[in-house]
C-alpha cells in the first residue's frame, strides 16, 4: 500500500469502494432508463421490444448450450469432414 492509502483504514476504503460502485450503478441505470424512454416514444417500439426479446432468448440458448455441451468428439468430426470431402469429389464410400 502506498503512504497515501496507508493512513486510511480498511473500513474507510471499503466505504469509498462501495460508494463508487453505487454511483456507477446509479449512473448506468439512469442512462438505461433514458434510453428506454427514448425507445418508448418511437412508433416501432413494439417491434424493437420483440427483437430485443428474441435476441436475449437466442443469447440464452447459446449460453445454455455452451454450458451443457459435452466434450467434442474430435475423431467423429474428422470422420464427418473426410466423408463430406469424398462425397463432394464423387468417391462416396
PDB file of N, CA and C in Angstrom:
ATOM      1  N   UNK A   1       0.828  -1.170   0.000  1.00  0.00           N
ATOM      2  CA  UNK A   1       0.000   0.000   0.000  1.00  0.00           C
ATOM      3  C   UNK A   1       0.871   1.230   0.000  1.00  0.00           C
ATOM      4  N   UNK A   2       0.460   2.272  -0.678  1.00  0.00           N
ATOM      5  CA  UNK A   2       1.244   3.500  -0.697  1.00  0.00           C
ATOM      6  C   UNK A   2       1.000   4.287   0.586  1.00  0.00           C
ATOM      7  N   UNK A   3       1.813   5.299   0.782  1.00  0.00           N
ATOM      8  CA  UNK A   3       1.681   6.094   2.003  1.00  0.00           C
ATOM      9  C   UNK A   3       0.389   6.897   2.014  1.00  0.00           C
ATOM     10  N   UNK A   4      -0.147   7.223   0.830  1.00  0.00           N
ATOM     11  CA  UNK A   4      -1.413   7.962   0.774  1.00  0.00           C
ATOM     12  C   UNK A   4      -2.543   7.093   1.310  1.00  0.00           C
ATOM     13  N   UNK A   5      -2.566   5.823   0.888  1.00  0.00           N
ATOM     14  CA  UNK A   5      -3.615   4.924   1.335  1.00  0.00           C
ATOM     15  C   UNK A   5      -3.298   4.299   2.685  1.00  0.00           C
ATOM     16  N   UNK A   6      -2.046   4.335   3.083  1.00  0.00           N
ATOM     17  CA  UNK A   6      -1.651   3.719   4.334  1.00  0.00           C
ATOM     18  C   UNK A   6      -2.274   4.378   5.543  1.00  0.00           C
ATOM     19  N   UNK A   7      -2.553   5.673   5.467  1.00  0.00           N
ATOM     20  CA  UNK A   7      -3.131   6.378   6.612  1.00  0.00           C
ATOM     21  C   UNK A   7      -4.626   6.107   6.751  1.00  0.00           C
ATOM     22  N   UNK A   8      -5.269   5.648   5.696  1.00  0.00           N
ATOM     23  CA  UNK A   8      -6.706   5.343   5.743  1.00  0.00           C
ATOM     24  C   UNK A   8      -6.902   3.929   6.240  1.00  0.00           C
ATOM     25  N   UNK A   9      -7.953   3.730   6.991  1.00  0.00           N
ATOM     26  CA  UNK A   9      -8.264   2.392   7.473  1.00  0.00           C
ATOM     27  C   UNK A   9      -8.969   1.583   6.409  1.00  0.00           C
ATOM     28  N   UNK A  10      -9.004   0.275   6.636  1.00  0.00           N
ATOM     29  CA  UNK A  10      -9.684  -0.619   5.697  1.00  0.00           C
ATOM     30  C   UNK A  10     -11.176  -0.295   5.615  1.00  0.00           C
ATOM     31  N   UNK A  11     -11.768   0.095   6.718  1.00  0.00           N
ATOM     32  CA  UNK A  11     -13.198   0.423   6.729  1.00  0.00           C
ATOM     33  C   UNK A  11     -13.487   1.603   5.810  1.00  0.00           C
ATOM     34  N   UNK A  12     -12.658   2.633   5.900  1.00  0.00           N
ATOM     35  CA  UNK A  12     -12.873   3.813   5.062  1.00  0.00           C
ATOM     36  C   UNK A  12     -12.698   3.465   3.585  1.00  0.00           C
ATOM     37  N   UNK A  13     -11.716   2.649   3.278  1.00  0.00           N
ATOM     38  CA  UNK A  13     -11.511   2.238   1.886  1.00  0.00           C
ATOM     39  C   UNK A  13     -12.689   1.421   1.381  1.00  0.00           C
ATOM     40  N   UNK A  14     -13.235   0.554   2.222  1.00  0.00           N
ATOM     41  CA  UNK A  14     -14.391  -0.254   1.833  1.00  0.00           C
ATOM     42  C   UNK A  14     -15.598   0.631   1.575  1.00  0.00           C
ATOM     43  N   UNK A  15     -15.790   1.646   2.414  1.00  0.00           N
ATOM     44  CA  UNK A  15     -16.915   2.569   2.234  1.00  0.00           C
ATOM     45  C   UNK A  15     -16.748   3.349   0.932  1.00  0.00           C
ATOM     46  N   UNK A  16     -15.536   3.815   0.654  1.00  0.00           N
ATOM     47  CA  UNK A  16     -15.289   4.555  -0.580  1.00  0.00           C
ATOM     48  C   UNK A  16     -15.505   3.672  -1.808  1.00  0.00           C
ATOM     49  N   UNK A  17     -15.058   2.434  -1.721  1.00  0.00           N
ATOM     50  CA  UNK A  17     -15.259   1.498  -2.818  1.00  0.00           C
ATOM     51  C   UNK A  17     -16.741   1.229  -3.045  1.00  0.00           C
ATOM     52  N   UNK A  18     -17.483   0.984  -1.980  1.00  0.00           N
ATOM     53  CA  UNK A  18     -18.926   0.735  -2.087  1.00  0.00           C
ATOM     54  C   UNK A  18     -19.645   1.953  -2.657  1.00  0.00           C
ATOM     55  N   UNK A  19     -19.245   3.149  -2.230  1.00  0.00           N
ATOM     56  CA  UNK A  19     -19.868   4.371  -2.748  1.00  0.00           C
ATOM     57  C   UNK A  19     -19.573   4.533  -4.236  1.00  0.00           C
ATOM     58  N   UNK A  20     -18.367   4.194  -4.648  1.00  0.00           N
ATOM     59  CA  UNK A  20     -18.026   4.273  -6.069  1.00  0.00           C
ATOM     60  C   UNK A  20     -18.831   3.300  -6.901  1.00  0.00           C
ATOM     61  N   UNK A  21     -18.988   2.086  -6.408  1.00  0.00           N
ATOM     62  CA  UNK A  21     -19.785   1.073  -7.120  1.00  0.00           C
ATOM     63  C   UNK A  21     -21.246   1.504  -7.188  1.00  0.00           C
ATOM     64  N   UNK A  22     -21.772   2.040  -6.092  1.00  0.00           N
ATOM     65  CA  UNK A  22     -23.167   2.502  -6.072  1.00  0.00           C
ATOM     66  C   UNK A  22     -23.366   3.651  -7.055  1.00  0.00           C
ATOM     67  N   UNK A  23     -22.419   4.580  -7.103  1.00  0.00           N
ATOM     68  CA  UNK A  23     -22.522   5.702  -8.038  1.00  0.00           C
ATOM     69  C   UNK A  23     -22.500   5.205  -9.475  1.00  0.00           C
ATOM     70  N   UNK A  24     -21.632   4.249  -9.773  1.00  0.00           N
ATOM     71  CA  UNK A  24     -21.573   3.671 -11.114  1.00  0.00           C
ATOM     72  C   UNK A  24     -22.887   2.988 -11.467  1.00  0.00           C
ATOM     73  N   UNK A  25     -23.467   2.247 -10.510  1.00  0.00           N
ATOM     74  CA  UNK A  25     -24.736   1.556 -10.759  1.00  0.00           C
ATOM     75  C   UNK A  25     -25.854   2.554 -11.025  1.00  0.00           C
ATOM     76  N   UNK A  26     -25.929   3.627 -10.229  1.00  0.00           N
ATOM     77  CA  UNK A  26     -26.973   4.640 -10.418  1.00  0.00           C
ATOM     78  C   UNK A  26     -26.811   5.311 -11.777  1.00  0.00           C
ATOM     79  N   UNK A  27     -25.591   5.639 -12.145  1.00  0.00           N
ATOM     80  CA  UNK A  27     -25.348   6.273 -13.442  1.00  0.00           C
ATOM     81  C   UNK A  27     -25.751   5.352 -14.583  1.00  0.00           C
ATOM     82  N   UNK A  28     -25.402   4.084 -14.474  1.00  0.00           N
ATOM     83  CA  UNK A  28     -25.737   3.113 -15.521  1.00  0.00           C
ATOM     84  C   UNK A  28     -27.246   2.927 -15.636  1.00  0.00           C
ATOM     85  N   UNK A  29     -27.931   2.795 -14.507  1.00  0.00           N
ATOM     86  CA  UNK A  29     -29.386   2.623 -14.524  1.00  0.00           C
ATOM     87  C   UNK A  29     -30.061   3.870 -15.083  1.00  0.00           C
ATOM     88  N   UNK A  30     -29.589   5.036 -14.693  1.00  0.00           N
ATOM     89  CA  UNK A  30     -30.169   6.280 -15.207  1.00  0.00           C
ATOM     90  C   UNK A  30     -30.015   6.373 -16.711  1.00  0.00           C
ATOM     91  N   UNK A  31     -28.852   6.022 -17.205  1.00  0.00           N
ATOM     92  CA  UNK A  31     -28.609   6.049 -18.640  1.00  0.00           C
ATOM     93  C   UNK A  31     -29.506   5.044 -19.361  1.00  0.00           C
ATOM     94  N   UNK A  32     -29.652   3.859 -18.791  1.00  0.00           N
ATOM     95  CA  UNK A  32     -30.507   2.835 -19.404  1.00  0.00           C
ATOM     96  C   UNK A  32     -31.966   3.276 -19.426  1.00  0.00           C
ATOM     97  N   UNK A  33     -32.421   3.902 -18.353  1.00  0.00           N
ATOM     98  CA  UNK A  33     -33.802   4.383 -18.318  1.00  0.00           C
ATOM     99  C   UNK A  33     -34.031   5.484 -19.339  1.00  0.00           C
ATOM    100  N   UNK A  34     -33.063   6.362 -19.505  1.00  0.00           N
ATOM    101  CA  UNK A  34     -33.174   7.406 -20.525  1.00  0.00           C
ATOM    102  C   UNK A  34     -33.275   6.812 -21.915  1.00  0.00           C
ATOM    103  N   UNK A  35     -32.478   5.805 -22.184  1.00  0.00           N
ATOM    104  CA  UNK A  35     -32.535   5.133 -23.485  1.00  0.00           C
ATOM    105  C   UNK A  35     -33.868   4.433 -23.671  1.00  0.00           C
ATOM    106  N   UNK A  36     -34.364   3.805 -22.607  1.00  0.00           N
ATOM    107  CA  UNK A  36     -35.648   3.115 -22.674  1.00  0.00           C
ATOM    108  C   UNK A  36     -36.787   4.089 -22.940  1.00  0.00           C
ATOM    109  N   UNK A  37     -36.740   5.257 -22.306  1.00  0.00           N
ATOM    110  CA  UNK A  37     -37.773   6.262 -22.547  1.00  0.00           C
ATOM    111  C   UNK A  37     -37.748   6.731 -23.992  1.00  0.00           C
ATOM    112  N   UNK A  38     -36.555   6.890 -24.546  1.00  0.00           N
ATOM    113  CA  UNK A  38     -36.440   7.277 -25.951  1.00  0.00           C
ATOM    114  C   UNK A  38     -37.027   6.222 -26.866  1.00  0.00           C
ATOM    115  N   UNK A  39     -36.804   4.954 -26.539  1.00  0.00           N
ATOM    116  CA  UNK A  39     -37.357   3.875 -27.354  1.00  0.00           C
ATOM    117  C   UNK A  39     -38.867   3.801 -27.239  1.00  0.00           C
ATOM    118  N   UNK A  40     -39.398   4.096 -26.058  1.00  0.00           N
ATOM    119  CA  UNK A  40     -40.844   4.029 -25.848  1.00  0.00           C
ATOM    120  C   UNK A  40     -41.574   5.084 -26.683  1.00  0.00           C
ATOM    121  N   UNK A  41     -40.907   6.177 -26.983  1.00  0.00           N
ATOM    122  CA  UNK A  41     -41.537   7.245 -27.775  1.00  0.00           C
ATOM    123  C   UNK A  41     -41.615   6.894 -29.251  1.00  0.00           C
ATOM    124  N   UNK A  42     -40.864   5.923 -29.693  1.00  0.00           N
ATOM    125  CA  UNK A  42     -40.851   5.568 -31.109  1.00  0.00           C
ATOM    126  C   UNK A  42     -42.106   4.794 -31.478  1.00  0.00           C
ATOM    127  N   UNK A  43     -42.520   4.923 -32.715  1.00  0.00           N
ATOM    128  CA  UNK A  43     -43.728   4.229 -33.165  1.00  0.00           C
ATOM    129  C   UNK A  43     -43.493   2.736 -33.349  1.00  0.00           C
ATOM    130  N   UNK A  44     -42.251   2.336 -33.579  1.00  0.00           N
ATOM    131  CA  UNK A  44     -41.954   0.923 -33.774  1.00  0.00           C
ATOM    132  C   UNK A  44     -41.411   0.284 -32.493  1.00  0.00           C
ATOM    133  N   UNK A  45     -41.818   0.811 -31.367  1.00  0.00           N
ATOM    134  CA  UNK A  45     -41.339   0.326 -30.073  1.00  0.00           C
ATOM    135  C   UNK A  45     -41.646  -1.142 -29.836  1.00  0.00           C
ATOM    136  N   UNK A  46     -42.836  -1.578 -30.235  1.00  0.00           N
ATOM    137  CA  UNK A  46     -43.213  -2.980 -30.031  1.00  0.00           C
ATOM    138  C   UNK A  46     -42.303  -3.911 -30.822  1.00  0.00           C
ATOM    139  N   UNK A  47     -41.949  -3.509 -32.033  1.00  0.00           N
ATOM    140  CA  UNK A  47     -41.053  -4.319 -32.852  1.00  0.00           C
ATOM    141  C   UNK A  47     -39.656  -4.370 -32.238  1.00  0.00           C
ATOM    142  N   UNK A  48     -39.204  -3.242 -31.693  1.00  0.00           N
ATOM    143  CA  UNK A  48     -37.888  -3.197 -31.065  1.00  0.00           C
ATOM    144  C   UNK A  48     -37.862  -4.105 -29.844  1.00  0.00           C
ATOM    145  N   UNK A  49     -38.933  -4.074 -29.057  1.00  0.00           N
ATOM    146  CA  UNK A  49     -39.008  -4.930 -27.873  1.00  0.00           C
ATOM    147  C   UNK A  49     -39.028  -6.405 -28.277  1.00  0.00           C
ATOM    148  N   UNK A  50     -39.780  -6.729 -29.321  1.00  0.00           N
ATOM    149  CA  UNK A  50     -39.840  -8.114 -29.790  1.00  0.00           C
ATOM    150  C   UNK A  50     -38.473  -8.573 -30.292  1.00  0.00           C
ATOM    151  N   UNK A  51     -37.780  -7.708 -31.022  1.00  0.00           N
ATOM    152  CA  UNK A  51     -36.440  -8.049 -31.499  1.00  0.00           C
ATOM    153  C   UNK A  51     -35.474  -8.237 -30.337  1.00  0.00           C
ATOM    154  N   UNK A  52     -35.565  -7.364 -29.339  1.00  0.00           N
ATOM    155  CA  UNK A  52     -34.689  -7.469 -28.170  1.00  0.00           C
ATOM    156  C   UNK A  52     -34.975  -8.768 -27.412  1.00  0.00           C
ATOM    157  N   UNK A  53     -36.256  -9.120 -27.282  1.00  0.00           N
ATOM    158  CA  UNK A  53     -36.620 -10.356 -26.598  1.00  0.00           C
ATOM    159  C   UNK A  53     -36.076 -11.561 -27.358  1.00  0.00           C
ATOM    160  N   UNK A  54     -36.211 -11.552 -28.669  1.00  0.00           N
ATOM    161  CA  UNK A  54     -35.702 -12.660 -29.482  1.00  0.00           C
ATOM    162  C   UNK A  54     -34.189 -12.769 -29.361  1.00  0.00           C
ATOM    163  N   UNK A  55     -33.502 -11.620 -29.361  1.00  0.00           N
ATOM    164  CA  UNK A  55     -32.049 -11.607 -29.227  1.00  0.00           C
ATOM    165  C   UNK A  55     -31.622 -12.175 -27.873  1.00  0.00           C
ATOM    166  N   UNK A  56     -32.303 -11.764 -26.818  1.00  0.00           N
ATOM    167  CA  UNK A  56     -31.968 -12.272 -25.488  1.00  0.00           C
ATOM    168  C   UNK A  56     -32.232 -13.767 -25.370  1.00  0.00           C
ATOM    169  N   UNK A  57     -33.312 -14.231 -25.977  1.00  0.00           N
ATOM    170  CA  UNK A  57     -33.608 -15.668 -25.947  1.00  0.00           C
ATOM    171  C   UNK A  57     -32.537 -16.451 -26.712  1.00  0.00           C
ATOM    172  N   UNK A  58     -32.087 -15.906 -27.846  1.00  0.00           N
ATOM    173  CA  UNK A  58     -31.030 -16.569 -28.614  1.00  0.00           C
ATOM    174  C   UNK A  58     -29.736 -16.619 -27.814  1.00  0.00           C
ATOM    175  N   UNK A  59     -29.409 -15.510 -27.154  1.00  0.00           N
ATOM    176  CA  UNK A  59     -28.201 -15.479 -26.328  1.00  0.00           C
ATOM    177  C   UNK A  59     -28.300 -16.486 -25.187  1.00  0.00           C
ATOM    178  N   UNK A  60     -29.479 -16.577 -24.587  1.00  0.00           N
ATOM    179  CA  UNK A  60     -29.681 -17.533 -23.511  1.00  0.00           C
ATOM    180  C   UNK A  60     -29.526 -18.964 -23.991  1.00  0.00           C
ATOM    181  N   UNK A  61     -30.069 -19.252 -25.170  1.00  0.00           N
ATOM    182  CA  UNK A  61     -29.955 -20.598 -25.737  1.00  0.00           C
ATOM    183  C   UNK A  61     -28.495 -20.943 -26.001  1.00  0.00           C
ATOM    184  N   UNK A  62     -27.751 -19.991 -26.556  1.00  0.00           N
ATOM    185  CA  UNK A  62     -26.330 -20.214 -26.834  1.00  0.00           C
ATOM    186  C   UNK A  62     -25.566 -20.440 -25.532  1.00  0.00           C
ATOM    187  N   UNK A  63     -25.864 -19.626 -24.515  1.00  0.00           N
ATOM    188  CA  UNK A  63     -25.169 -19.768 -23.225  1.00  0.00           C
ATOM    189  C   UNK A  63     -25.458 -21.120 -22.598  1.00  0.00           C
ATOM    190  N   UNK A  64     -26.717 -21.553 -22.649  1.00  0.00           N
ATOM    191  CA  UNK A  64     -27.068 -22.853 -22.085  1.00  0.00           C
ATOM    192  C   UNK A  64     -26.428 -23.994 -22.864  1.00  0.00           C
ATOM    193  N   UNK A  65     -26.411 -23.873 -24.184  1.00  0.00           N
ATOM    194  CA  UNK A  65     -25.780 -24.910 -24.998  1.00  0.00           C
ATOM    195  C   UNK A  65     -24.288 -24.996 -24.704  1.00  0.00           C
ATOM    196  N   UNK A  66     -23.665 -23.850 -24.507  1.00  0.00           N
ATOM    197  CA  UNK A  66     -22.236 -23.817 -24.218  1.00  0.00           C
ATOM    198  C   UNK A  66     -21.943 -24.502 -22.887  1.00  0.00           C
ATOM    199  N   UNK A  67     -22.804 -24.268 -21.894  1.00  0.00           N
ATOM    200  CA  UNK A  67     -22.591 -24.872 -20.574  1.00  0.00           C
ATOM    201  C   UNK A  67     -22.947 -26.351 -20.550  1.00  0.00           C
ATOM    202  N   UNK A  68     -23.971 -26.741 -21.306  1.00  0.00           N
ATOM    203  CA  UNK A  68     -24.476 -28.110 -21.260  1.00  0.00           C
ATOM    204  C   UNK A  68     -23.770 -29.041 -22.228  1.00  0.00           C
ATOM    205  N   UNK A  69     -23.066 -28.493 -23.196  1.00  0.00           N
ATOM    206  CA  UNK A  69     -22.439 -29.332 -24.216  1.00  0.00           C
ATOM    207  C   UNK A  69     -21.306 -30.153 -23.618  1.00  0.00           C
ATOM    208  N   UNK A  70     -21.274 -31.387 -24.034  1.00  0.00           N
ATOM    209  CA  UNK A  70     -20.191 -32.260 -23.604  1.00  0.00           C
ATOM    210  C   UNK A  70     -18.954 -31.989 -24.441  1.00  0.00           C
ATOM    211  N   UNK A  71     -17.910 -32.715 -24.168  1.00  0.00           N
ATOM    212  CA  UNK A  71     -16.691 -32.523 -24.949  1.00  0.00           C
ATOM    213  C   UNK A  71     -16.910 -32.939 -26.400  1.00  0.00           C
ATOM    214  N   UNK A  72     -16.254 -32.233 -27.296  1.00  0.00           N
ATOM    215  CA  UNK A  72     -16.388 -32.501 -28.721  1.00  0.00           C
ATOM    216  C   UNK A  72     -15.660 -33.802 -29.055  1.00  0.00           C
ATOM    217  N   UNK A  73     -16.315 -34.649 -29.839  1.00  0.00           N
ATOM    218  CA  UNK A  73     -15.706 -35.896 -30.286  1.00  0.00           C
ATOM    219  C   UNK A  73     -14.867 -35.582 -31.529  1.00  0.00           C
ATOM    220  N   UNK A  74     -13.602 -35.290 -31.322  1.00  0.00           N
ATOM    221  CA  UNK A  74     -12.744 -34.810 -32.408  1.00  0.00           C
ATOM    222  C   UNK A  74     -12.602 -35.817 -33.539  1.00  0.00           C
ATOM    223  N   UNK A  75     -12.444 -37.089 -33.214  1.00  0.00           N
ATOM    224  CA  UNK A  75     -12.307 -38.090 -34.273  1.00  0.00           C
ATOM    225  C   UNK A  75     -13.588 -38.202 -35.090  1.00  0.00           C
ATOM    226  N   UNK A  76     -14.730 -38.081 -34.438  1.00  0.00           N
ATOM    227  CA  UNK A  76     -16.011 -38.121 -35.156  1.00  0.00           C
ATOM    228  C   UNK A  76     -16.125 -36.935 -36.113  1.00  0.00           C
ATOM    229  N   UNK A  77     -15.718 -35.763 -35.660  1.00  0.00           N
ATOM    230  CA  UNK A  77     -15.752 -34.564 -36.512  1.00  0.00           C
ATOM    231  C   UNK A  77     -14.833 -34.754 -37.709  1.00  0.00           C
ATOM    232  N   UNK A  78     -13.629 -35.272 -37.483  1.00  0.00           N
ATOM    233  CA  UNK A  78     -12.702 -35.511 -38.594  1.00  0.00           C
ATOM    234  C   UNK A  78     -13.271 -36.518 -39.587  1.00  0.00           C
ATOM    235  N   UNK A  79     -13.916 -37.573 -39.086  1.00  0.00           N
ATOM    236  CA  UNK A  79     -14.514 -38.576 -39.964  1.00  0.00           C
ATOM    237  C   UNK A  79     -15.635 -37.961 -40.804  1.00  0.00           C
ATOM    238  N   UNK A  80     -16.438 -37.102 -40.206  1.00  0.00           N
ATOM    239  CA  UNK A  80     -17.514 -36.447 -40.952  1.00  0.00           C
ATOM    240  C   UNK A  80     -16.953 -35.532 -42.033  1.00  0.00           C
ATOM    241  N   UNK A  81     -15.892 -34.799 -41.728  1.00  0.00           N
ATOM    242  CA  UNK A  81     -15.255 -33.928 -42.730  1.00  0.00           C
ATOM    243  C   UNK A  81     -14.681 -34.752 -43.881  1.00  0.00           C
ATOM    244  N   UNK A  82     -14.026 -35.861 -43.544  1.00  0.00           N
ATOM    245  CA  UNK A  82     -13.450 -36.720 -44.579  1.00  0.00           C
ATOM    246  C   UNK A  82     -14.541 -37.298 -45.468  1.00  0.00           C
ATOM    247  N   UNK A  83     -15.636 -37.733 -44.869  1.00  0.00           N
ATOM    248  CA  UNK A  83     -16.746 -38.290 -45.647  1.00  0.00           C
ATOM    249  C   UNK A  83     -17.358 -37.221 -46.544  1.00  0.00           C
ATOM    250  N   UNK A  84     -17.502 -36.014 -46.027  1.00  0.00           N
ATOM    251  CA  UNK A  84     -18.066 -34.923 -46.825  1.00  0.00           C
ATOM    252  C   UNK A  84     -17.163 -34.603 -48.013  1.00  0.00           C
ATOM    253  N   UNK A  85     -15.844 -34.627 -47.818  1.00  0.00           N
ATOM    254  CA  UNK A  85     -14.918 -34.354 -48.923  1.00  0.00           C
ATOM    255  C   UNK A  85     -14.986 -35.452 -49.985  1.00  0.00           C
ATOM    256  N   UNK A  86     -15.086 -36.698 -49.528  1.00  0.00           N
ATOM    257  CA  UNK A  86     -15.184 -37.789 -50.501  1.00  0.00           C
ATOM    258  C   UNK A  86     -16.487 -37.683 -51.294  1.00  0.00           C
ATOM    259  N   UNK A  87     -17.579 -37.281 -50.654  1.00  0.00           N
ATOM    260  CA  UNK A  87     -18.862 -37.136 -51.322  1.00  0.00           C
ATOM    261  C   UNK A  87     -18.796 -36.021 -52.360  1.00  0.00           C
ATOM    262  N   UNK A  88     -18.139 -34.917 -52.024  1.00  0.00           N
ATOM    263  CA  UNK A  88     -18.020 -33.776 -52.944  1.00  0.00           C
ATOM    264  C   UNK A  88     -17.204 -34.175 -54.167  1.00  0.00           C
ATOM    265  N   UNK A  89     -16.170 -34.983 -53.979  1.00  0.00           N
ATOM    266  CA  UNK A  89     -15.293 -35.376 -55.074  1.00  0.00           C
ATOM    267  C   UNK A  89     -15.813 -36.599 -55.833  1.00  0.00           C
ATOM    268  N   UNK A  90     -16.991 -37.082 -55.481  1.00  0.00           N
ATOM    269  CA  UNK A  90     -17.624 -38.177 -56.211  1.00  0.00           C
ATOM    270  C   UNK A  90     -17.163 -39.561 -55.824  1.00  0.00           C
ATOM    271  N   UNK A  91     -16.459 -39.683 -54.749  1.00  0.00           N
ATOM    272  CA  UNK A  91     -15.972 -41.005 -54.315  1.00  0.00           C
ATOM    273  C   UNK A  91     -16.676 -41.403 -53.030  1.00  0.00           C
ATOM    274  N   UNK A  92     -17.993 -41.357 -53.013  1.00  0.00           N
ATOM    275  CA  UNK A  92     -18.769 -41.701 -51.822  1.00  0.00           C
ATOM    276  C   UNK A  92     -18.594 -43.175 -51.491  1.00  0.00           C
ATOM    277  N   UNK A  93     -18.039 -43.445 -50.320  1.00  0.00           N
ATOM    278  CA  UNK A  93     -17.787 -44.826 -49.916  1.00  0.00           C
ATOM    279  C   UNK A  93     -18.642 -45.158 -48.720  1.00  0.00           C
TER     280      UNK A  93
END
